[in-house]
Amino acid sequence: MSETAQIIVGLLFLLAVFAATRFGIHWRMKRACTYIVKDLERRHAYDPTSAAGLPYATMDWLKLGLRDFRPKALASLVLNGIAEKTPDGKYYLLQGSQDPNE
């Protein structure tokens, strides 16, 4: 195989790995959003009075293992108007919010 063909194959491989990692991150964020919405629904957190404190709302810097996408997913839900944060750090679903998978 010529040197040019090796470079092209290597670049294509790098591009495939990049696309696969982006797809994996998107898939895990989507799962985390679904988990949070279902958790808030299970806790019946639909208004500020029934808001629930979520233990995964902040990142734990000392935790070892796979990356936890829930804090970023929760921030994304708040940013997109699906959930809201109360001044005391609890979260609730906004009325009329829809499932992030739809």
PDB file of N, CA and C in Angstrom:
ATOM      1  N   MET A   1       0.861  -1.171   0.000  1.00  0.00           N
ATOM      2  CA  MET A   1       0.000   0.000   0.000  1.00  0.00           C
ATOM      3  C   MET A   1       0.903   1.229   0.000  1.00  0.00           C
ATOM      4  N   SER A   2       0.570   2.193  -0.831  1.00  0.00           N
ATOM      5  CA  SER A   2       1.394   3.390  -0.928  1.00  0.00           C
ATOM      6  C   SER A   2       1.230   4.259   0.320  1.00  0.00           C
ATOM      7  N   GLU A   3       2.165   5.165   0.500  1.00  0.00           N
ATOM      8  CA  GLU A   3       2.147   6.042   1.662  1.00  0.00           C
ATOM      9  C   GLU A   3       0.920   6.956   1.653  1.00  0.00           C
ATOM     10  N   THR A   4       0.517   7.416   0.500  1.00  0.00           N
ATOM     11  CA  THR A   4      -0.656   8.278   0.378  1.00  0.00           C
ATOM     12  C   THR A   4      -1.921   7.524   0.780  1.00  0.00           C
ATOM     13  N   ALA A   5      -2.040   6.283   0.346  1.00  0.00           N
ATOM     14  CA  ALA A   5      -3.206   5.468   0.697  1.00  0.00           C
ATOM     15  C   ALA A   5      -3.238   5.206   2.201  1.00  0.00           C
ATOM     16  N   GLN A   6      -2.081   4.985   2.818  1.00  0.00           N
ATOM     17  CA  GLN A   6      -2.028   4.772   4.261  1.00  0.00           C
ATOM     18  C   GLN A   6      -2.495   6.014   5.020  1.00  0.00           C
ATOM     19  N   ILE A   7      -2.089   7.176   4.545  1.00  0.00           N
ATOM     20  CA  ILE A   7      -2.507   8.425   5.193  1.00  0.00           C
ATOM     21  C   ILE A   7      -4.010   8.613   5.058  1.00  0.00           C
ATOM     22  N   ILE A   8      -4.543   8.340   3.892  1.00  0.00           N
ATOM     23  CA  ILE A   8      -5.985   8.486   3.668  1.00  0.00           C
ATOM     24  C   ILE A   8      -6.767   7.508   4.547  1.00  0.00           C
ATOM     25  N   VAL A   9      -6.303   6.253   4.616  1.00  0.00           N
ATOM     26  CA  VAL A   9      -6.969   5.263   5.466  1.00  0.00           C
ATOM     27  C   VAL A   9      -6.887   5.685   6.929  1.00  0.00           C
ATOM     28  N   GLY A  10      -5.753   6.201   7.358  1.00  0.00           N
ATOM     29  CA  GLY A  10      -5.600   6.667   8.736  1.00  0.00           C
ATOM     30  C   GLY A  10      -6.523   7.821   9.061  1.00  0.00           C
ATOM     31  N   LEU A  11      -6.642   8.778   8.140  1.00  0.00           N
ATOM     32  CA  LEU A  11      -7.538   9.914   8.345  1.00  0.00           C
ATOM     33  C   LEU A  11      -8.999   9.474   8.381  1.00  0.00           C
ATOM     34  N   LEU A  12      -9.362   8.541   7.509  1.00  0.00           N
ATOM     35  CA  LEU A  12     -10.724   8.013   7.527  1.00  0.00           C
ATOM     36  C   LEU A  12     -11.019   7.284   8.843  1.00  0.00           C
ATOM     37  N   PHE A  13     -10.033   6.555   9.352  1.00  0.00           N
ATOM     38  CA  PHE A  13     -10.198   5.875  10.626  1.00  0.00           C
ATOM     39  C   PHE A  13     -10.385   6.890  11.765  1.00  0.00           C
ATOM     40  N   LEU A  14      -9.581   7.947  11.784  1.00  0.00           N
ATOM     41  CA  LEU A  14      -9.723   8.983  12.797  1.00  0.00           C
ATOM     42  C   LEU A  14     -11.083   9.662  12.723  1.00  0.00           C
ATOM     43  N   LEU A  15     -11.545   9.921  11.526  1.00  0.00           N
ATOM     44  CA  LEU A  15     -12.865  10.522  11.333  1.00  0.00           C
ATOM     45  C   LEU A  15     -13.970   9.597  11.845  1.00  0.00           C
ATOM     46  N   ALA A  16     -13.832   8.288  11.594  1.00  0.00           N
ATOM     47  CA  ALA A  16     -14.824   7.324  12.071  1.00  0.00           C
ATOM     48  C   ALA A  16     -14.823   7.254  13.596  1.00  0.00           C
ATOM     49  N   VAL A  17     -13.649   7.286  14.202  1.00  0.00           N
ATOM     50  CA  VAL A  17     -13.566   7.257  15.667  1.00  0.00           C
ATOM     51  C   VAL A  17     -14.183   8.520  16.250  1.00  0.00           C
ATOM     52  N   PHE A  18     -13.909   9.675  15.649  1.00  0.00           N
ATOM     53  CA  PHE A  18     -14.496  10.935  16.123  1.00  0.00           C
ATOM     54  C   PHE A  18     -16.015  10.887  16.036  1.00  0.00           C
ATOM     55  N   ALA A  19     -16.550  10.424  14.905  1.00  0.00           N
ATOM     56  CA  ALA A  19     -18.006  10.350  14.736  1.00  0.00           C
ATOM     57  C   ALA A  19     -18.616   9.372  15.734  1.00  0.00           C
ATOM     58  N   ALA A  20     -17.952   8.257  15.990  1.00  0.00           N
ATOM     59  CA  ALA A  20     -18.475   7.269  16.936  1.00  0.00           C
ATOM     60  C   ALA A  20     -18.501   7.836  18.363  1.00  0.00           C
ATOM     61  N   THR A  21     -17.476   8.574  18.744  1.00  0.00           N
ATOM     62  CA  THR A  21     -17.467   9.147  20.090  1.00  0.00           C
ATOM     63  C   THR A  21     -18.538  10.219  20.234  1.00  0.00           C
ATOM     64  N   ARG A  22     -18.742  11.038  19.213  1.00  0.00           N
ATOM     65  CA  ARG A  22     -19.794  12.057  19.267  1.00  0.00           C
ATOM     66  C   ARG A  22     -21.169  11.402  19.367  1.00  0.00           C
ATOM     67  N   PHE A  23     -21.380  10.326  18.615  1.00  0.00           N
ATOM     68  CA  PHE A  23     -22.640   9.594  18.684  1.00  0.00           C
ATOM     69  C   PHE A  23     -22.835   9.013  20.078  1.00  0.00           C
ATOM     70  N   GLY A  24     -21.786   8.445  20.658  1.00  0.00           N
ATOM     71  CA  GLY A  24     -21.866   7.865  21.994  1.00  0.00           C
ATOM     72  C   GLY A  24     -22.192   8.903  23.051  1.00  0.00           C
ATOM     73  N   ILE A  25     -21.572  10.067  22.964  1.00  0.00           N
ATOM     74  CA  ILE A  25     -21.846  11.142  23.925  1.00  0.00           C
ATOM     75  C   ILE A  25     -23.297  11.609  23.790  1.00  0.00           C
ATOM     76  N   HIS A  26     -23.761  11.770  22.556  1.00  0.00           N
ATOM     77  CA  HIS A  26     -25.153  12.180  22.330  1.00  0.00           C
ATOM     78  C   HIS A  26     -26.117  11.151  22.909  1.00  0.00           C
ATOM     79  N   TRP A  27     -25.847   9.887  22.703  1.00  0.00           N
ATOM     80  CA  TRP A  27     -26.708   8.815  23.195  1.00  0.00           C
ATOM     81  C   TRP A  27     -26.751   8.816  24.723  1.00  0.00           C
ATOM     82  N   ARG A  28     -25.586   8.986  25.374  1.00  0.00           N
ATOM     83  CA  ARG A  28     -25.552   8.989  26.836  1.00  0.00           C
ATOM     84  C   ARG A  28     -26.231  10.231  27.420  1.00  0.00           C
ATOM     85  N   MET A  29     -26.094  11.385  26.763  1.00  0.00           N
ATOM     86  CA  MET A  29     -26.785  12.597  27.227  1.00  0.00           C
ATOM     87  C   MET A  29     -28.301  12.422  27.111  1.00  0.00           C
ATOM     88  N   LYS A  30     -28.742  11.828  26.028  1.00  0.00           N
ATOM     89  CA  LYS A  30     -30.172  11.605  25.826  1.00  0.00           C
ATOM     90  C   LYS A  30     -30.725  10.666  26.900  1.00  0.00           C
ATOM     91  N   ARG A  31     -29.979   9.618  27.224  1.00  0.00           N
ATOM     92  CA  ARG A  31     -30.394   8.692  28.282  1.00  0.00           C
ATOM     93  C   ARG A  31     -30.432   9.393  29.636  1.00  0.00           C
ATOM     94  N   ALA A  32     -29.451  10.257  29.891  1.00  0.00           N
ATOM     95  CA  ALA A  32     -29.411  10.984  31.164  1.00  0.00           C
ATOM     96  C   ALA A  32     -30.607  11.930  31.275  1.00  0.00           C
ATOM     97  N   CYS A  33     -30.950  12.615  30.188  1.00  0.00           N
ATOM     98  CA  CYS A  33     -32.118  13.515  30.205  1.00  0.00           C
ATOM     99  C   CYS A  33     -33.397  12.739  30.478  1.00  0.00           C
ATOM    100  N   THR A  34     -33.552  11.602  29.834  1.00  0.00           N
ATOM    101  CA  THR A  34     -34.732  10.775  30.047  1.00  0.00           C
ATOM    102  C   THR A  34     -34.796  10.293  31.495  1.00  0.00           C
ATOM    103  N   TYR A  35     -33.658   9.898  32.041  1.00  0.00           N
ATOM    104  CA  TYR A  35     -33.602   9.447  33.436  1.00  0.00           C
ATOM    105  C   TYR A  35     -34.036  10.562  34.387  1.00  0.00           C
ATOM    106  N   ILE A  36     -33.548  11.780  34.154  1.00  0.00           N
ATOM    107  CA  ILE A  36     -33.876  12.903  35.042  1.00  0.00           C
ATOM    108  C   ILE A  36     -35.356  13.248  34.961  1.00  0.00           C
ATOM    109  N   VAL A  37     -35.903  13.281  33.749  1.00  0.00           N
ATOM    110  CA  VAL A  37     -37.326  13.604  33.588  1.00  0.00           C
ATOM    111  C   VAL A  37     -38.184  12.549  34.289  1.00  0.00           C
ATOM    112  N   LYS A  38     -37.842  11.275  34.109  1.00  0.00           N
ATOM    113  CA  LYS A  38     -38.611  10.219  34.769  1.00  0.00           C
ATOM    114  C   LYS A  38     -38.452  10.276  36.280  1.00  0.00           C
ATOM    115  N   ASP A  39     -37.246  10.627  36.752  1.00  0.00           N
ATOM    116  CA  ASP A  39     -37.027  10.752  38.190  1.00  0.00           C
ATOM    117  C   ASP A  39     -37.869  11.879  38.776  1.00  0.00           C
ATOM    118  N   LEU A  40     -37.934  13.016  38.093  1.00  0.00           N
ATOM    119  CA  LEU A  40     -38.752  14.128  38.573  1.00  0.00           C
ATOM    120  C   LEU A  40     -40.241  13.794  38.502  1.00  0.00           C
ATOM    121  N   GLU A  41     -40.656  13.056  37.463  1.00  0.00           N
ATOM    122  CA  GLU A  41     -42.051  12.620  37.377  1.00  0.00           C
ATOM    123  C   GLU A  41     -42.377  11.643  38.502  1.00  0.00           C
ATOM    124  N   ARG A  42     -41.466  10.742  38.802  1.00  0.00           N
ATOM    125  CA  ARG A  42     -41.678   9.768  39.871  1.00  0.00           C
ATOM    126  C   ARG A  42     -41.816  10.460  41.223  1.00  0.00           C
ATOM    127  N   ARG A  43     -41.081  11.555  41.399  1.00  0.00           N
ATOM    128  CA  ARG A  43     -41.143  12.315  42.655  1.00  0.00           C
ATOM    129  C   ARG A  43     -42.292  13.334  42.654  1.00  0.00           C
ATOM    130  N   HIS A  44     -43.035  13.402  41.563  1.00  0.00           N
ATOM    131  CA  HIS A  44     -44.150  14.350  41.397  1.00  0.00           C
ATOM    132  C   HIS A  44     -43.690  15.787  41.622  1.00  0.00           C
ATOM    133  N   ALA A  45     -42.559  16.138  41.040  1.00  0.00           N
ATOM    134  CA  ALA A  45     -42.003  17.488  41.169  1.00  0.00           C
ATOM    135  C   ALA A  45     -42.453  18.311  39.963  1.00  0.00           C
ATOM    136  N   TYR A  46     -43.637  18.926  40.106  1.00  0.00           N
ATOM    137  CA  TYR A  46     -44.216  19.684  39.002  1.00  0.00           C
ATOM    138  C   TYR A  46     -44.335  21.178  39.280  1.00  0.00           C
ATOM    139  N   ASP A  47     -44.031  21.612  40.495  1.00  0.00           N
ATOM    140  CA  ASP A  47     -44.070  23.036  40.817  1.00  0.00           C
ATOM    141  C   ASP A  47     -43.048  23.325  41.920  1.00  0.00           C
ATOM    142  N   PRO A  48     -42.778  24.593  42.198  1.00  0.00           N
ATOM    143  CA  PRO A  48     -41.744  24.917  43.190  1.00  0.00           C
ATOM    144  C   PRO A  48     -42.011  24.354  44.586  1.00  0.00           C
ATOM    145  N   THR A  49     -43.281  24.171  44.944  1.00  0.00           N
ATOM    146  CA  THR A  49     -43.564  23.642  46.280  1.00  0.00           C
ATOM    147  C   THR A  49     -43.261  22.149  46.394  1.00  0.00           C
ATOM    148  N   SER A  50     -43.346  21.435  45.270  1.00  0.00           N
ATOM    149  CA  SER A  50     -43.072  19.999  45.296  1.00  0.00           C
ATOM    150  C   SER A  50     -41.713  19.663  44.674  1.00  0.00           C
ATOM    151  N   ALA A  51     -40.862  20.669  44.515  1.00  0.00           N
ATOM    152  CA  ALA A  51     -39.550  20.463  43.892  1.00  0.00           C
ATOM    153  C   ALA A  51     -38.729  19.464  44.702  1.00  0.00           C
ATOM    154  N   ALA A  52     -37.886  18.722  43.990  1.00  0.00           N
ATOM    155  CA  ALA A  52     -37.094  17.666  44.627  1.00  0.00           C
ATOM    156  C   ALA A  52     -35.606  17.988  44.539  1.00  0.00           C
ATOM    157  N   GLY A  53     -34.914  17.688  45.608  1.00  0.00           N
ATOM    158  CA  GLY A  53     -33.460  17.806  45.601  1.00  0.00           C
ATOM    159  C   GLY A  53     -32.866  16.599  44.909  1.00  0.00           C
ATOM    160  N   LEU A  54     -31.969  16.834  43.980  1.00  0.00           N
ATOM    161  CA  LEU A  54     -31.370  15.741  43.228  1.00  0.00           C
ATOM    162  C   LEU A  54     -29.911  15.575  43.633  1.00  0.00           C
ATOM    163  N   PRO A  55     -29.527  14.396  44.087  1.00  0.00           N
ATOM    164  CA  PRO A  55     -28.153  14.206  44.556  1.00  0.00           C
ATOM    165  C   PRO A  55     -27.119  14.304  43.441  1.00  0.00           C
ATOM    166  N   TYR A  56     -27.534  14.129  42.206  1.00  0.00           N
ATOM    167  CA  TYR A  56     -26.603  14.173  41.084  1.00  0.00           C
ATOM    168  C   TYR A  56     -26.595  15.539  40.390  1.00  0.00           C
ATOM    169  N   ALA A  57     -27.128  16.553  41.039  1.00  0.00           N
ATOM    170  CA  ALA A  57     -27.195  17.884  40.428  1.00  0.00           C
ATOM    171  C   ALA A  57     -25.820  18.533  40.308  1.00  0.00           C
ATOM    172  N   THR A  58     -24.904  18.162  41.165  1.00  0.00           N
ATOM    173  CA  THR A  58     -23.547  18.708  41.090  1.00  0.00           C
ATOM    174  C   THR A  58     -22.574  17.590  40.770  1.00  0.00           C
ATOM    175  N   MET A  59     -21.460  17.966  40.166  1.00  0.00           N
ATOM    176  CA  MET A  59     -20.452  16.993  39.798  1.00  0.00           C
ATOM    177  C   MET A  59     -19.631  16.584  41.014  1.00  0.00           C
ATOM    178  N   ASP A  60     -19.387  15.298  41.140  1.00  0.00           N
ATOM    179  CA  ASP A  60     -18.532  14.781  42.205  1.00  0.00           C
ATOM    180  C   ASP A  60     -17.144  14.559  41.617  1.00  0.00           C
ATOM    181  N   TRP A  61     -16.199  15.391  42.009  1.00  0.00           N
ATOM    182  CA  TRP A  61     -14.862  15.359  41.412  1.00  0.00           C
ATOM    183  C   TRP A  61     -14.034  14.162  41.867  1.00  0.00           C
ATOM    184  N   LEU A  62     -14.387  13.542  42.968  1.00  0.00           N
ATOM    185  CA  LEU A  62     -13.605  12.423  43.477  1.00  0.00           C
ATOM    186  C   LEU A  62     -14.134  11.067  43.037  1.00  0.00           C
ATOM    187  N   LYS A  63     -15.228  11.050  42.312  1.00  0.00           N
ATOM    188  CA  LYS A  63     -15.816   9.796  41.884  1.00  0.00           C
ATOM    189  C   LYS A  63     -14.983   9.190  40.758  1.00  0.00           C
ATOM    190  N   LEU A  64     -14.651   7.936  40.906  1.00  0.00           N
ATOM    191  CA  LEU A  64     -13.911   7.221  39.869  1.00  0.00           C
ATOM    192  C   LEU A  64     -14.885   6.399  39.044  1.00  0.00           C
ATOM    193  N   GLY A  65     -14.515   6.104  37.826  1.00  0.00           N
ATOM    194  CA  GLY A  65     -15.354   5.289  36.960  1.00  0.00           C
ATOM    195  C   GLY A  65     -15.759   6.062  35.718  1.00  0.00           C
ATOM    196  N   LEU A  66     -16.863   5.647  35.122  1.00  0.00           N
ATOM    197  CA  LEU A  66     -17.337   6.296  33.907  1.00  0.00           C
ATOM    198  C   LEU A  66     -17.860   7.694  34.202  1.00  0.00           C
ATOM    199  N   ARG A  67     -17.811   8.524  33.208  1.00  0.00           N
ATOM    200  CA  ARG A  67     -18.276   9.904  33.347  1.00  0.00           C
ATOM    201  C   ARG A  67     -19.777   9.932  33.607  1.00  0.00           C
ATOM    202  N   ASP A  68     -20.175  10.781  34.534  1.00  0.00           N
ATOM    203  CA  ASP A  68     -21.590  10.949  34.860  1.00  0.00           C
ATOM    204  C   ASP A  68     -22.122  12.133  34.058  1.00  0.00           C
ATOM    205  N   PHE A  69     -23.060  11.873  33.162  1.00  0.00           N
ATOM    206  CA  PHE A  69     -23.614  12.909  32.305  1.00  0.00           C
ATOM    207  C   PHE A  69     -24.817  13.599  32.925  1.00  0.00           C
ATOM    208  N   ARG A  70     -25.290  13.149  34.076  1.00  0.00           N
ATOM    209  CA  ARG A  70     -26.506  13.708  34.659  1.00  0.00           C
ATOM    210  C   ARG A  70     -26.400  15.185  35.030  1.00  0.00           C
ATOM    211  N   PRO A  71     -25.296  15.671  35.612  1.00  0.00           N
ATOM    212  CA  PRO A  71     -25.239  17.113  35.902  1.00  0.00           C
ATOM    213  C   PRO A  71     -25.340  17.984  34.646  1.00  0.00           C
ATOM    214  N   LYS A  72     -24.655  17.588  33.577  1.00  0.00           N
ATOM    215  CA  LYS A  72     -24.742  18.345  32.321  1.00  0.00           C
ATOM    216  C   LYS A  72     -26.126  18.227  31.701  1.00  0.00           C
ATOM    217  N   ALA A  73     -26.715  17.049  31.777  1.00  0.00           N
ATOM    218  CA  ALA A  73     -28.061  16.852  31.232  1.00  0.00           C
ATOM    219  C   ALA A  73     -29.076  17.689  31.998  1.00  0.00           C
ATOM    220  N   LEU A  74     -28.925  17.762  33.309  1.00  0.00           N
ATOM    221  CA  LEU A  74     -29.826  18.581  34.116  1.00  0.00           C
ATOM    222  C   LEU A  74     -29.689  20.055  33.757  1.00  0.00           C
ATOM    223  N   ALA A  75     -28.462  20.523  33.571  1.00  0.00           N
ATOM    224  CA  ALA A  75     -28.247  21.911  33.144  1.00  0.00           C
ATOM    225  C   ALA A  75     -28.865  22.154  31.773  1.00  0.00           C
ATOM    226  N   SER A  76     -28.781  21.175  30.901  1.00  0.00           N
ATOM    227  CA  SER A  76     -29.376  21.297  29.567  1.00  0.00           C
ATOM    228  C   SER A  76     -30.901  21.360  29.649  1.00  0.00           C
ATOM    229  N   LEU A  77     -31.505  20.565  30.532  1.00  0.00           N
ATOM    230  CA  LEU A  77     -32.960  20.596  30.699  1.00  0.00           C
ATOM    231  C   LEU A  77     -33.413  21.947  31.231  1.00  0.00           C
ATOM    232  N   VAL A  78     -32.651  22.524  32.147  1.00  0.00           N
ATOM    233  CA  VAL A  78     -32.994  23.847  32.684  1.00  0.00           C
ATOM    234  C   VAL A  78     -32.837  24.900  31.587  1.00  0.00           C
ATOM    235  N   LEU A  79     -31.763  24.812  30.827  1.00  0.00           N
ATOM    236  CA  LEU A  79     -31.500  25.780  29.764  1.00  0.00           C
ATOM    237  C   LEU A  79     -32.574  25.734  28.675  1.00  0.00           C
ATOM    238  N   ASN A  80     -33.079  24.546  28.388  1.00  0.00           N
ATOM    239  CA  ASN A  80     -34.089  24.389  27.335  1.00  0.00           C
ATOM    240  C   ASN A  80     -35.519  24.549  27.833  1.00  0.00           C
ATOM    241  N   GLY A  81     -35.711  24.881  29.102  1.00  0.00           N
ATOM    242  CA  GLY A  81     -37.050  25.167  29.610  1.00  0.00           C
ATOM    243  C   GLY A  81     -37.886  23.950  29.920  1.00  0.00           C
ATOM    244  N   ILE A  82     -37.266  22.798  30.130  1.00  0.00           N
ATOM    245  CA  ILE A  82     -38.009  21.592  30.469  1.00  0.00           C
ATOM    246  C   ILE A  82     -38.120  21.460  31.984  1.00  0.00           C
ATOM    247  N   ALA A  83     -37.069  21.855  32.677  1.00  0.00           N
ATOM    248  CA  ALA A  83     -37.055  21.826  34.140  1.00  0.00           C
ATOM    249  C   ALA A  83     -36.658  23.209  34.646  1.00  0.00           C
ATOM    250  N   GLU A  84     -36.870  23.430  35.928  1.00  0.00           N
ATOM    251  CA  GLU A  84     -36.529  24.717  36.541  1.00  0.00           C
ATOM    252  C   GLU A  84     -35.885  24.459  37.896  1.00  0.00           C
ATOM    253  N   LYS A  85     -35.009  25.362  38.292  1.00  0.00           N
ATOM    254  CA  LYS A  85     -34.312  25.255  39.570  1.00  0.00           C
ATOM    255  C   LYS A  85     -34.863  26.308  40.525  1.00  0.00           C
ATOM    256  N   THR A  86     -35.149  25.886  41.751  1.00  0.00           N
ATOM    257  CA  THR A  86     -35.614  26.820  42.763  1.00  0.00           C
ATOM    258  C   THR A  86     -34.408  27.497  43.415  1.00  0.00           C
ATOM    259  N   PRO A  87     -34.619  28.609  44.124  1.00  0.00           N
ATOM    260  CA  PRO A  87     -33.492  29.286  44.784  1.00  0.00           C
ATOM    261  C   PRO A  87     -32.760  28.424  45.814  1.00  0.00           C
ATOM    262  N   ASP A  88     -33.451  27.437  46.385  1.00  0.00           N
ATOM    263  CA  ASP A  88     -32.786  26.582  47.368  1.00  0.00           C
ATOM    264  C   ASP A  88     -32.128  25.348  46.749  1.00  0.00           C
ATOM    265  N   GLY A  89     -32.040  25.286  45.419  1.00  0.00           N
ATOM    266  CA  GLY A  89     -31.291  24.233  44.737  1.00  0.00           C
ATOM    267  C   GLY A  89     -32.072  22.985  44.402  1.00  0.00           C
ATOM    268  N   LYS A  90     -33.394  23.044  44.462  1.00  0.00           N
ATOM    269  CA  LYS A  90     -34.229  21.900  44.098  1.00  0.00           C
ATOM    270  C   LYS A  90     -34.727  22.089  42.667  1.00  0.00           C
ATOM    271  N   TYR A  91     -35.188  20.998  42.060  1.00  0.00           N
ATOM    272  CA  TYR A  91     -35.604  21.030  40.661  1.00  0.00           C
ATOM    273  C   TYR A  91     -37.019  20.505  40.515  1.00  0.00           C
ATOM    274  N   TYR A  92     -37.706  21.025  39.495  1.00  0.00           N
ATOM    275  CA  TYR A  92     -39.055  20.557  39.171  1.00  0.00           C
ATOM    276  C   TYR A  92     -39.279  20.697  37.675  1.00  0.00           C
ATOM    277  N   LEU A  93     -40.231  19.920  37.167  1.00  0.00           N
ATOM    278  CA  LEU A  93     -40.592  19.985  35.751  1.00  0.00           C
ATOM    279  C   LEU A  93     -41.562  21.129  35.532  1.00  0.00           C
ATOM    280  N   LEU A  94     -41.397  21.824  34.435  1.00  0.00           N
ATOM    281  CA  LEU A  94     -42.336  22.882  34.096  1.00  0.00           C
ATOM    282  C   LEU A  94     -43.586  22.274  33.484  1.00  0.00           C
ATOM    283  N   GLN A  95     -44.720  22.896  33.709  1.00  0.00           N
ATOM    284  CA  GLN A  95     -45.973  22.407  33.142  1.00  0.00           C
ATOM    285  C   GLN A  95     -45.888  22.491  31.621  1.00  0.00           C
ATOM    286  N   GLY A  96     -46.378  21.483  30.973  1.00  0.00           N
ATOM    287  CA  GLY A  96     -46.362  21.455  29.519  1.00  0.00           C
ATOM    288  C   GLY A  96     -45.023  21.021  28.945  1.00  0.00           C
ATOM    289  N   SER A  97     -44.076  20.664  29.801  1.00  0.00           N
ATOM    290  CA  SER A  97     -42.803  20.190  29.256  1.00  0.00           C
ATOM    291  C   SER A  97     -43.007  18.809  28.667  1.00  0.00           C
ATOM    292  N   GLN A  98     -42.238  18.531  27.637  1.00  0.00           N
ATOM    293  CA  GLN A  98     -42.394  17.273  26.929  1.00  0.00           C
ATOM    294  C   GLN A  98     -41.170  16.412  27.144  1.00  0.00           C
ATOM    295  N   ASP A  99     -41.326  15.153  26.804  1.00  0.00           N
ATOM    296  CA  ASP A  99     -40.226  14.205  26.898  1.00  0.00           C
ATOM    297  C   ASP A  99     -39.120  14.633  25.935  1.00  0.00           C
ATOM    298  N   PRO A 100     -37.846  14.689  26.390  1.00  0.00           N
ATOM    299  CA  PRO A 100     -36.765  15.143  25.523  1.00  0.00           C
ATOM    300  C   PRO A 100     -36.487  14.186  24.375  1.00  0.00           C
ATOM    301  N   ASN A 101     -37.078  12.993  24.371  1.00  0.00           N
ATOM    302  CA  ASN A 101     -36.843  12.043  23.282  1.00  0.00           C
ATOM    303  C   ASN A 101     -37.775  12.271  22.107  1.00  0.00           C
ATOM    304  N   GLU A 102     -38.757  13.113  22.266  1.00  0.00           N
ATOM    305  CA  GLU A 102     -39.722  13.336  21.174  1.00  0.00           C
ATOM    306  C   GLU A 102     -39.245  14.412  20.248  1.00  0.00           C
TER     307      GLU A 102
END
